[in-house]
Amino acid sequence: MGGRTWLTLALGMTLAFFLAGCNSNSTSPSTSGAGMAPVSMTIHDTPPTGVSILSFEIHITGASLQPSDSTQAAVSLMSAPDEIELEHLQTSSALLGSTDVPAGTYNSLTVTFANPQMTILNDTGATLTVGGTSCANGQVCDVQPALNQVSVTVNASPLFPLTLSATSGVTLQLDFNINSSVQSDLSVTPTVTVSSANSNMQGGNDNQEDMELIGVVGTVDTTKESFTLLTGLNGQTDTILTTSNTEFGFEDAGCSANNFGCLASGQVVKVEAQMANGQLTATEVDALALPNTAAVMGTVVSVNATGNEFGMVLNDIQDSQDSATLGLGLPVTVTVGSGATFNVGVAGINLSGGLTFSGMANLMVGQEVSVDVSGLSTSGSTVTLSTNQVTLEASGLSGMIESVDTSNGTLVLTNLSPLFTANGITQILVQTGSNTQFENVSGLGSLSAAQNVSVSGVLLENGTSGAELLATAVRLRLND
């Protein structure tokens, strides 16, 4: 398994050909030639019920548009296969890449898949056998399910037929529905829909797709105020522009200036960016680790506060030296050093009302965290990481709306993943604000009880409801 950028690959990719996977492609502004149209593609996800899927990886081996003239060859949108981790991309998208295709009319998009792999929490009350691997009740297991179908062709209106010209580029948003794709025996039959990403957004800039990337800073261009970002173990390089409005978070990296000058080659950073016409422009850049320090990110699945350790399933890795040991979906134990630093890595989030993230007591299952890796050891199949810094990132989760209160900007989610219910969390209070982005719906007032949504934001313990999420995004699930 290779590493992956910490993109917000919600289970529906935006095929903007900014590949969020393990290849050696690079992305830069697309320059269309005569008779060529720029096409981008992204992806995001929809999660299943029952067994809690903590990590879902699958290879996308190809994607191609079929011209309306059936005598013409299909046009490939990918130059190399890509591996994606979908489960933590429930409200945002990962960029697969950007490319130019001949102007014309296209009738369908065909996507091919291979090698699904899942990390599951079995809370069914019985032992499950998946792909030859037995998983006892209550255990977290890494399994390789069968792939029942290797390709999917989408040709439904209103997107198709799709007419492209040199002046009308498009960002295709591929939505991989995990609920429908994962069968009762946990085998995988890919179910996808495709839309134009710009038509779905109901907040922020309707002409741009929001992305999240995590990687290592390569070169820094002070003249253009841009930098390259290496994402994934195989060295995909993306060019990131910054502007006077880009926010920087580098206090924990020892740079109080918090500006472009803090960037240095070798730093591990998280980038919130907007993609338009194949170009990435950063809205926020945060330091996750000091230069040349390894970092990993994942979902908390257990907490032992008295023992100063917690369990985590990895969904991103920025450490090529340990690529033989670490992998996407790998369950690890994290030992937290005495005096370790705890902080929140999401800009614009102000903790108040008793909410805090300052130590082991504030860790809870379902949180997304990144950690600096100060040590690594193995004992049999158990991998233990040591850290002196834990950063709370934006978590993605899904559920059904129990109630909506527009007067205080909140909604209550139930029908949660077994990861939560097995730990006594049956509902989550979601707090929205003026900066919360809504997708497939105009705003909080348009939501109602019994609708299924995915949300992302800072997840914290709340003494009143048990858990509270300060939302950065809310996505109405149209196909659930």
Protein backbone atom coordinates (compact mmCIF):
# COMPACT_ATOMS: atom_id res chain seq x y z
CA MET A 1 0.00 0.00 0.00
CA GLY A 2 1.29 3.43 -0.87
CA GLY A 3 0.90 6.75 0.85
CA ARG A 4 -1.73 9.25 -0.02
CA THR A 5 -2.18 12.95 0.23
CA TRP A 6 -4.52 13.97 2.99
CA LEU A 7 -7.00 15.24 0.50
CA THR A 8 -10.56 15.65 1.37
CA LEU A 9 -11.53 12.92 -1.02
CA ALA A 10 -15.12 12.69 0.09
CA LEU A 11 -16.50 9.55 -1.36
CA GLY A 12 -17.04 11.21 -4.59
CA MET A 13 -13.93 12.21 -6.48
CA THR A 14 -13.62 15.35 -8.37
CA LEU A 15 -11.85 14.11 -11.40
CA ALA A 16 -9.93 17.27 -11.79
CA PHE A 17 -6.92 15.28 -12.60
CA PHE A 18 -5.04 16.42 -9.71
CA LEU A 19 -4.32 12.88 -8.75
CA ALA A 20 -4.68 12.22 -5.09
CA GLY A 21 -2.79 9.05 -5.34
CA CYS A 22 0.49 7.29 -5.69
CA ASN A 23 2.03 8.19 -9.00
CA SER A 24 4.73 10.42 -10.36
CA ASN A 25 2.48 12.84 -12.23
CA SER A 26 2.60 16.55 -11.49
CA THR A 27 -0.17 19.11 -11.75
CA SER A 28 0.17 22.60 -13.10
CA PRO A 29 -2.15 25.10 -14.80
CA SER A 30 -3.78 23.54 -17.86
CA THR A 31 -3.15 25.34 -21.15
CA SER A 32 -5.68 24.29 -23.77
CA GLY A 33 -4.57 24.22 -27.34
CA ALA A 34 -6.79 24.87 -30.32
CA GLY A 35 -9.74 22.54 -30.24
CA MET A 36 -8.89 21.28 -26.77
CA ALA A 37 -11.01 21.60 -23.60
CA PRO A 38 -9.70 21.44 -20.02
CA VAL A 39 -11.26 18.62 -17.97
CA SER A 40 -10.75 17.98 -14.26
CA MET A 41 -11.97 15.11 -12.13
CA THR A 42 -12.40 14.64 -8.36
CA ILE A 43 -13.92 12.04 -6.05
CA HIS A 44 -15.82 11.79 -2.74
CA ASP A 45 -17.77 9.15 -0.77
CA THR A 46 -20.91 7.70 0.79
CA PRO A 47 -20.46 5.26 3.74
CA PRO A 48 -22.23 1.94 4.52
CA THR A 49 -24.37 0.87 7.44
CA GLY A 50 -23.83 -2.07 9.79
CA VAL A 51 -20.13 -2.89 9.99
CA SER A 52 -18.07 0.24 10.59
CA ILE A 53 -15.65 0.79 7.71
CA LEU A 54 -12.71 2.72 9.13
CA SER A 55 -10.69 2.76 5.92
CA PHE A 56 -11.65 1.96 2.32
CA GLU A 57 -8.94 1.92 -0.32
CA ILE A 58 -9.33 1.08 -3.98
CA HIS A 59 -7.20 1.53 -7.10
CA ILE A 60 -8.62 3.51 -9.99
CA THR A 61 -6.86 1.99 -12.97
CA GLY A 62 -8.44 4.16 -15.65
CA ALA A 63 -11.08 6.73 -16.58
CA SER A 64 -12.08 7.62 -20.12
CA LEU A 65 -14.68 9.67 -21.98
CA GLN A 66 -16.42 8.04 -24.98
CA PRO A 67 -17.08 10.43 -27.93
CA SER A 68 -20.60 10.47 -29.32
CA ASP A 69 -19.09 9.30 -32.60
CA SER A 70 -18.67 5.63 -31.72
CA THR A 71 -16.00 5.21 -34.40
CA GLN A 72 -13.66 7.44 -32.39
CA ALA A 73 -11.45 6.01 -29.66
CA ALA A 74 -12.21 6.74 -26.01
CA VAL A 75 -10.22 9.61 -24.52
CA SER A 76 -8.23 8.71 -21.39
CA LEU A 77 -8.34 11.12 -18.47
CA MET A 78 -5.65 9.38 -16.41
CA SER A 79 -2.01 8.85 -17.31
CA ALA A 80 -1.39 6.32 -14.52
CA PRO A 81 -3.39 4.23 -12.02
CA ASP A 82 -4.21 5.86 -8.69
CA GLU A 83 -4.86 4.50 -5.19
CA ILE A 84 -7.38 6.37 -3.07
CA GLU A 85 -8.57 6.16 0.54
CA LEU A 86 -12.23 7.11 0.51
CA GLU A 87 -13.63 6.81 4.01
CA HIS A 88 -12.27 10.11 5.31
CA LEU A 89 -13.55 12.01 2.25
CA GLN A 90 -17.20 12.30 3.06
CA THR A 91 -17.62 16.05 2.52
CA SER A 92 -14.69 17.06 0.36
CA SER A 93 -12.93 15.91 -2.76
CA ALA A 94 -9.57 14.62 -3.84
CA LEU A 95 -8.16 15.81 -7.11
CA LEU A 96 -7.32 12.97 -9.45
CA GLY A 97 -5.85 15.23 -12.09
CA SER A 98 -6.37 17.80 -14.84
CA THR A 99 -5.88 17.30 -18.56
CA ASP A 100 -6.98 18.60 -21.96
CA VAL A 101 -9.29 16.57 -24.20
CA PRO A 102 -10.44 17.22 -27.80
CA ALA A 103 -13.44 19.52 -28.04
CA GLY A 104 -16.62 17.71 -28.94
CA THR A 105 -19.55 15.78 -27.52
CA TYR A 106 -19.13 12.79 -25.22
CA ASN A 107 -21.78 10.24 -24.31
CA SER A 108 -20.32 8.47 -21.28
CA LEU A 109 -17.53 8.07 -18.74
CA THR A 110 -16.05 4.63 -17.97
CA VAL A 111 -14.06 4.12 -14.78
CA THR A 112 -12.13 0.93 -13.97
CA PHE A 113 -11.17 -0.34 -10.50
CA ALA A 114 -8.92 -2.91 -8.82
CA ASN A 115 -7.64 -4.14 -5.43
CA PRO A 116 -10.18 -2.95 -2.82
CA GLN A 117 -8.99 -3.11 0.78
CA MET A 118 -10.89 -2.24 3.97
CA THR A 119 -10.20 -1.82 7.65
CA ILE A 120 -13.37 -2.64 9.56
CA LEU A 121 -14.71 -2.61 13.09
CA ASN A 122 -16.82 -5.75 13.56
CA ASP A 123 -19.68 -4.98 15.94
CA THR A 124 -22.11 -7.56 14.57
CA GLY A 125 -21.90 -9.94 17.54
CA ALA A 126 -20.37 -12.72 15.43
CA THR A 127 -17.12 -13.56 13.65
CA LEU A 128 -16.94 -12.38 10.02
CA THR A 129 -14.85 -13.94 7.27
CA VAL A 130 -13.91 -11.56 4.46
CA GLY A 131 -11.59 -12.55 1.63
CA GLY A 132 -10.25 -15.44 3.68
CA THR A 133 -9.59 -13.27 6.76
CA SER A 134 -11.52 -13.95 9.98
CA CYS A 135 -12.49 -10.95 12.10
CA ALA A 136 -13.84 -11.58 15.61
CA ASN A 137 -16.62 -9.49 17.08
CA GLY A 138 -15.37 -6.21 18.55
CA GLN A 139 -12.08 -6.37 16.63
CA VAL A 140 -10.52 -3.95 14.12
CA CYS A 141 -9.39 -5.98 11.09
CA ASP A 142 -7.65 -5.30 7.77
CA VAL A 143 -9.44 -7.30 5.04
CA GLN A 144 -9.30 -7.69 1.25
CA PRO A 145 -12.85 -8.09 -0.09
CA ALA A 146 -13.69 -9.50 -3.51
CA LEU A 147 -14.21 -7.06 -6.38
CA ASN A 148 -17.33 -8.19 -8.24
CA GLN A 149 -17.12 -5.72 -11.12
CA VAL A 150 -14.01 -4.02 -12.50
CA SER A 151 -15.60 -1.23 -14.54
CA VAL A 152 -18.55 1.15 -14.40
CA THR A 153 -19.92 3.20 -17.29
CA VAL A 154 -22.00 6.28 -16.50
CA ASN A 155 -24.09 7.82 -19.30
CA ALA A 156 -27.09 9.30 -17.49
CA SER A 157 -28.53 12.75 -18.09
CA PRO A 158 -28.41 15.61 -17.27
CA LEU A 159 -24.59 15.48 -17.50
CA PHE A 160 -24.48 13.33 -20.64
CA PRO A 161 -24.27 13.97 -23.46
CA LEU A 162 -21.45 16.34 -22.45
CA THR A 163 -20.36 18.98 -24.95
CA LEU A 164 -16.92 20.55 -24.45
CA SER A 165 -15.21 23.44 -26.19
CA ALA A 166 -11.89 25.20 -25.71
CA THR A 167 -13.73 27.86 -23.69
CA SER A 168 -15.93 25.53 -21.61
CA GLY A 169 -13.85 23.34 -19.35
CA VAL A 170 -15.50 21.15 -16.73
CA THR A 171 -14.73 19.58 -13.37
CA LEU A 172 -16.31 16.14 -13.17
CA GLN A 173 -17.29 14.97 -9.70
CA LEU A 174 -17.34 11.20 -9.36
CA ASP A 175 -19.37 10.08 -6.34
CA PHE A 176 -18.42 6.58 -5.15
CA ASN A 177 -21.31 5.34 -3.03
CA ILE A 178 -19.91 2.98 -0.38
CA ASN A 179 -23.39 2.14 0.96
CA SER A 180 -24.41 0.71 -2.39
CA SER A 181 -21.00 -0.60 -3.40
CA VAL A 182 -20.34 -2.79 -0.34
CA GLN A 183 -22.53 -5.90 -0.40
CA SER A 184 -23.83 -7.92 2.56
CA ASP A 185 -20.76 -10.21 2.39
CA LEU A 186 -18.54 -7.07 2.21
CA SER A 187 -17.60 -7.77 -1.42
CA VAL A 188 -17.47 -4.67 -3.63
CA THR A 189 -19.59 -3.83 -6.66
CA PRO A 190 -18.65 -0.21 -7.47
CA THR A 191 -21.60 2.17 -7.64
CA VAL A 192 -20.83 5.66 -8.93
CA THR A 193 -22.61 8.73 -10.21
CA VAL A 194 -21.03 11.64 -12.07
CA SER A 195 -21.96 15.31 -12.01
CA SER A 196 -20.45 18.70 -12.64
CA ALA A 197 -18.86 19.77 -9.37
CA ASN A 198 -19.78 23.43 -9.88
CA SER A 199 -23.49 22.61 -9.97
CA ASN A 200 -23.46 21.05 -6.48
CA MET A 201 -21.93 23.74 -4.30
CA GLN A 202 -24.24 26.03 -2.31
CA GLY A 203 -21.66 28.02 -0.38
CA GLY A 204 -18.36 29.76 -1.02
CA ASN A 205 -17.16 30.13 -4.60
CA ASP A 206 -19.44 28.18 -6.93
CA ASN A 207 -16.76 28.08 -9.64
CA GLN A 208 -14.10 26.35 -7.58
CA GLU A 209 -13.70 22.94 -5.98
CA ASP A 210 -12.38 22.75 -2.42
CA MET A 211 -9.46 20.40 -1.82
CA GLU A 212 -7.38 19.29 1.15
CA LEU A 213 -3.83 18.05 0.66
CA ILE A 214 -1.10 16.93 3.01
CA GLY A 215 2.46 16.50 1.88
CA VAL A 216 6.07 17.61 2.06
CA VAL A 217 7.11 21.05 0.81
CA GLY A 218 9.52 20.79 -2.11
CA THR A 219 10.69 24.03 -3.70
CA VAL A 220 9.58 27.48 -2.55
CA ASP A 221 9.33 30.24 -5.17
CA THR A 222 9.39 33.60 -3.38
CA THR A 223 8.94 35.52 -6.64
CA LYS A 224 5.65 33.87 -7.54
CA GLU A 225 4.76 33.13 -3.89
CA SER A 226 4.13 29.52 -4.82
CA PHE A 227 5.53 26.18 -3.69
CA THR A 228 5.54 22.56 -4.73
CA LEU A 229 4.00 19.87 -2.57
CA LEU A 230 5.05 16.22 -2.70
CA THR A 231 2.07 14.03 -1.86
CA GLY A 232 2.21 10.26 -1.61
CA LEU A 233 5.12 7.89 -1.28
CA ASN A 234 5.82 7.83 -5.01
CA GLY A 235 6.44 11.54 -5.30
CA GLN A 236 3.43 13.16 -6.98
CA THR A 237 4.22 16.87 -7.15
CA ASP A 238 1.57 19.60 -7.12
CA THR A 239 2.18 23.31 -7.61
CA ILE A 240 0.36 25.51 -5.06
CA LEU A 241 -0.17 29.24 -5.48
CA THR A 242 -0.72 31.57 -2.51
CA THR A 243 -2.34 34.99 -2.33
CA SER A 244 -2.54 37.86 0.14
CA ASN A 245 -5.65 36.13 1.54
CA THR A 246 -3.94 32.80 2.26
CA GLU A 247 -3.89 32.01 5.99
CA PHE A 248 -0.78 30.40 7.51
CA GLY A 249 -0.58 28.41 10.74
CA PHE A 250 3.06 27.98 11.77
CA GLU A 251 3.10 28.88 15.49
CA ASP A 252 3.79 25.28 16.49
CA ALA A 253 6.62 25.14 13.94
CA GLY A 254 8.38 28.05 15.63
CA CYS A 255 7.50 30.74 13.09
CA SER A 256 5.36 33.40 14.75
CA ALA A 257 5.24 35.52 11.56
CA ASN A 258 2.60 33.16 10.12
CA ASN A 259 3.21 34.15 6.51
CA PHE A 260 4.68 32.81 3.28
CA GLY A 261 8.18 33.29 4.67
CA CYS A 262 7.57 30.43 7.13
CA LEU A 263 7.54 27.86 4.34
CA ALA A 264 10.67 25.73 4.02
CA SER A 265 11.66 22.69 2.02
CA GLY A 266 11.06 19.44 3.93
CA GLN A 267 8.14 20.67 6.05
CA VAL A 268 5.03 18.48 6.32
CA VAL A 269 2.04 20.77 5.78
CA LYS A 270 -1.70 20.57 5.34
CA VAL A 271 -3.07 22.73 2.54
CA GLU A 272 -6.67 23.81 2.09
CA ALA A 273 -6.93 24.83 -1.56
CA GLN A 274 -9.37 25.71 -4.28
CA MET A 275 -8.94 24.26 -7.72
CA ALA A 276 -10.02 26.09 -10.86
CA ASN A 277 -8.91 25.37 -14.42
CA GLY A 278 -6.36 22.86 -13.19
CA GLN A 279 -4.61 25.32 -10.85
CA LEU A 280 -4.50 25.00 -7.05
CA THR A 281 -4.62 28.15 -4.94
CA ALA A 282 -4.16 27.81 -1.18
CA THR A 283 -6.67 29.35 1.20
CA GLU A 284 -4.84 27.93 4.24
CA VAL A 285 -1.42 26.36 4.88
CA ASP A 286 -0.68 24.75 8.28
CA ALA A 287 2.53 23.14 9.50
CA LEU A 288 2.01 19.56 10.67
CA ALA A 289 5.62 18.66 11.39
CA LEU A 290 9.03 20.26 11.50
CA PRO A 291 11.26 19.87 8.39
CA ASN A 292 12.31 16.26 7.74
CA THR A 293 10.06 14.93 10.53
CA ALA A 294 7.72 12.05 9.71
CA ALA A 295 3.98 12.52 10.16
CA VAL A 296 0.90 10.31 9.86
CA MET A 297 -2.81 10.99 10.04
CA GLY A 298 -5.74 8.75 10.87
CA THR A 299 -8.94 8.05 12.77
CA VAL A 300 -8.93 7.43 16.53
CA VAL A 301 -10.56 4.04 17.26
CA SER A 302 -9.72 3.59 20.97
CA VAL A 303 -8.35 5.67 23.85
CA ASN A 304 -6.39 4.58 26.94
CA ALA A 305 -5.95 7.93 28.70
CA THR A 306 -4.37 6.46 31.84
CA GLY A 307 -1.81 4.60 29.72
CA ASN A 308 -1.11 7.67 27.54
CA GLU A 309 -1.87 5.80 24.33
CA PHE A 310 -4.59 5.49 21.72
CA GLY A 311 -5.43 3.32 18.73
CA MET A 312 -5.54 4.85 15.26
CA VAL A 313 -6.23 3.61 11.71
CA LEU A 314 -3.93 5.36 9.22
CA ASN A 315 -5.32 7.18 6.20
CA ASP A 316 -2.22 9.15 5.25
CA ILE A 317 1.52 8.74 5.65
CA GLN A 318 4.34 11.19 5.05
CA ASP A 319 7.38 9.00 5.72
CA SER A 320 8.90 7.12 2.80
CA GLN A 321 11.52 5.48 5.06
CA ASP A 322 8.82 3.47 6.82
CA SER A 323 6.80 2.62 3.70
CA ALA A 324 7.52 -1.09 4.20
CA THR A 325 6.00 -0.97 7.70
CA LEU A 326 3.26 1.64 7.45
CA GLY A 327 0.34 1.47 5.05
CA LEU A 328 -3.06 2.97 4.44
CA GLY A 329 -5.68 1.35 6.64
CA LEU A 330 -3.09 -0.02 9.08
CA PRO A 331 -4.23 -0.08 12.74
CA VAL A 332 -1.46 1.29 14.99
CA THR A 333 -0.99 2.12 18.66
CA VAL A 334 0.23 5.65 19.41
CA THR A 335 2.15 6.27 22.64
CA VAL A 336 2.03 9.93 23.68
CA GLY A 337 5.13 11.30 25.39
CA SER A 338 5.09 13.20 28.66
CA GLY A 339 4.59 16.91 28.00
CA ALA A 340 3.32 16.33 24.47
CA THR A 341 1.68 19.25 22.68
CA PHE A 342 -2.03 19.07 21.75
CA ASN A 343 -3.48 21.60 19.32
CA VAL A 344 -6.26 22.16 16.78
CA GLY A 345 -5.16 22.19 13.14
CA VAL A 346 -8.29 23.70 11.54
CA ALA A 347 -8.20 27.45 10.92
CA GLY A 348 -11.17 29.57 11.92
CA ILE A 349 -12.24 27.22 14.71
CA ASN A 350 -12.53 28.94 18.08
CA LEU A 351 -13.15 26.61 21.01
CA SER A 352 -15.52 27.95 23.67
CA GLY A 353 -18.33 26.82 25.93
CA GLY A 354 -16.18 24.28 27.72
CA LEU A 355 -14.87 22.66 24.53
CA THR A 356 -11.13 22.02 24.62
CA PHE A 357 -8.38 19.87 23.13
CA SER A 358 -5.40 20.10 25.42
CA GLY A 359 -4.55 16.54 26.51
CA MET A 360 -5.31 12.84 26.54
CA ALA A 361 -8.61 13.43 28.34
CA ASN A 362 -9.91 15.24 25.25
CA LEU A 363 -9.25 12.39 22.82
CA MET A 364 -12.31 10.42 21.65
CA VAL A 365 -13.14 7.81 19.03
CA GLY A 366 -13.98 9.15 15.59
CA GLN A 367 -11.60 12.11 15.81
CA GLU A 368 -9.19 12.66 12.95
CA VAL A 369 -5.71 13.45 14.23
CA SER A 370 -2.22 13.86 12.85
CA VAL A 371 0.90 13.04 14.86
CA ASP A 372 4.61 13.67 14.47
CA VAL A 373 6.41 10.31 14.58
CA SER A 374 9.33 10.35 17.00
CA GLY A 375 9.71 6.55 17.14
CA LEU A 376 8.42 3.32 15.59
CA SER A 377 8.51 -0.26 16.84
CA THR A 378 6.90 -3.57 15.87
CA SER A 379 6.00 -6.67 17.84
CA GLY A 380 4.45 -9.35 15.69
CA SER A 381 1.61 -7.68 13.82
CA THR A 382 1.40 -4.76 16.28
CA VAL A 383 2.90 -1.44 15.18
CA THR A 384 3.53 1.21 17.84
CA LEU A 385 4.33 4.85 17.09
CA SER A 386 5.67 7.40 19.57
CA THR A 387 4.77 11.07 19.37
CA ASN A 388 5.24 14.38 21.15
CA GLN A 389 2.63 16.29 19.14
CA VAL A 390 -1.04 15.49 18.48
CA THR A 391 -3.04 17.76 16.18
CA LEU A 392 -6.81 17.59 15.90
CA GLU A 393 -7.89 17.70 12.25
CA ALA A 394 -11.31 17.88 10.60
CA SER A 395 -13.26 14.63 11.01
CA GLY A 396 -15.76 13.37 8.44
CA LEU A 397 -18.82 11.38 9.51
CA SER A 398 -22.32 10.56 8.36
CA GLY A 399 -25.70 10.02 9.95
CA MET A 400 -29.41 10.81 9.84
CA ILE A 401 -30.81 14.15 10.99
CA GLU A 402 -32.93 13.81 14.12
CA SER A 403 -33.69 17.54 14.43
CA VAL A 404 -32.74 20.96 13.07
CA ASP A 405 -32.65 24.18 15.10
CA THR A 406 -32.12 27.18 12.82
CA SER A 407 -32.31 29.62 15.75
CA ASN A 408 -28.93 28.49 17.06
CA GLY A 409 -27.55 26.96 13.85
CA THR A 410 -27.47 23.33 15.00
CA LEU A 411 -28.63 19.91 13.93
CA VAL A 412 -28.56 16.59 15.76
CA LEU A 413 -27.27 13.44 14.03
CA THR A 414 -28.28 9.88 14.89
CA ASN A 415 -27.91 6.51 13.08
CA LEU A 416 -24.17 6.83 13.60
CA SER A 417 -21.39 4.41 12.72
CA PRO A 418 -20.87 1.47 15.12
CA LEU A 419 -17.53 3.10 15.94
CA PHE A 420 -19.53 5.67 17.90
CA THR A 421 -22.44 3.59 19.17
CA ALA A 422 -20.13 0.85 20.48
CA ASN A 423 -18.51 3.56 22.62
CA GLY A 424 -21.79 4.92 23.99
CA ILE A 425 -22.18 7.84 21.55
CA THR A 426 -25.66 7.66 20.01
CA GLN A 427 -25.99 11.24 18.76
CA ILE A 428 -23.74 14.14 17.77
CA LEU A 429 -24.62 17.83 18.02
CA VAL A 430 -23.47 19.63 14.85
CA GLN A 431 -22.86 23.38 15.16
CA THR A 432 -22.87 25.33 11.89
CA GLY A 433 -21.76 28.91 11.29
CA SER A 434 -21.35 31.59 8.67
CA ASN A 435 -18.31 29.82 7.18
CA THR A 436 -19.94 26.39 6.95
CA GLN A 437 -20.19 25.24 3.35
CA PHE A 438 -23.32 23.38 2.23
CA GLU A 439 -23.45 20.97 -0.70
CA ASN A 440 -26.60 19.78 -2.51
CA VAL A 441 -28.67 22.07 -0.27
CA SER A 442 -28.96 25.86 0.07
CA GLY A 443 -28.38 26.00 3.83
CA LEU A 444 -29.38 24.75 7.26
CA GLY A 445 -32.97 25.93 6.84
CA SER A 446 -33.42 23.61 3.85
CA LEU A 447 -32.54 20.50 5.88
CA SER A 448 -35.09 18.47 7.80
CA ALA A 449 -35.42 15.41 10.03
CA ALA A 450 -34.82 11.94 8.51
CA GLN A 451 -32.46 13.22 5.82
CA ASN A 452 -29.01 11.61 5.53
CA VAL A 453 -26.01 13.92 5.57
CA SER A 454 -22.24 13.83 5.80
CA VAL A 455 -20.51 16.49 7.87
CA SER A 456 -16.92 17.48 8.52
CA GLY A 457 -15.35 19.62 11.19
CA VAL A 458 -13.70 19.56 14.59
CA LEU A 459 -15.09 16.73 16.73
CA LEU A 460 -14.93 17.24 20.50
CA GLU A 461 -16.31 15.83 23.71
CA ASN A 462 -19.33 17.73 24.99
CA GLY A 463 -20.46 17.22 28.58
CA THR A 464 -24.10 17.81 27.55
CA SER A 465 -24.64 15.72 24.41
CA GLY A 466 -21.54 13.52 24.58
CA ALA A 467 -20.06 14.77 21.31
CA GLU A 468 -20.15 18.01 19.35
CA LEU A 469 -18.85 18.79 15.87
CA LEU A 470 -18.01 22.35 14.81
CA ALA A 471 -18.90 22.04 11.13
CA THR A 472 -16.85 23.28 8.21
CA ALA A 473 -19.04 21.46 5.66
CA VAL A 474 -22.45 19.77 5.44
CA ARG A 475 -23.30 17.55 2.48
CA LEU A 476 -26.83 16.30 1.84
CA ARG A 477 -26.63 12.69 0.61
CA LEU A 478 -28.81 12.54 -2.47
CA ASN A 479 -28.55 8.83 -3.23
CA ASP A 480 -29.08 7.30 0.25
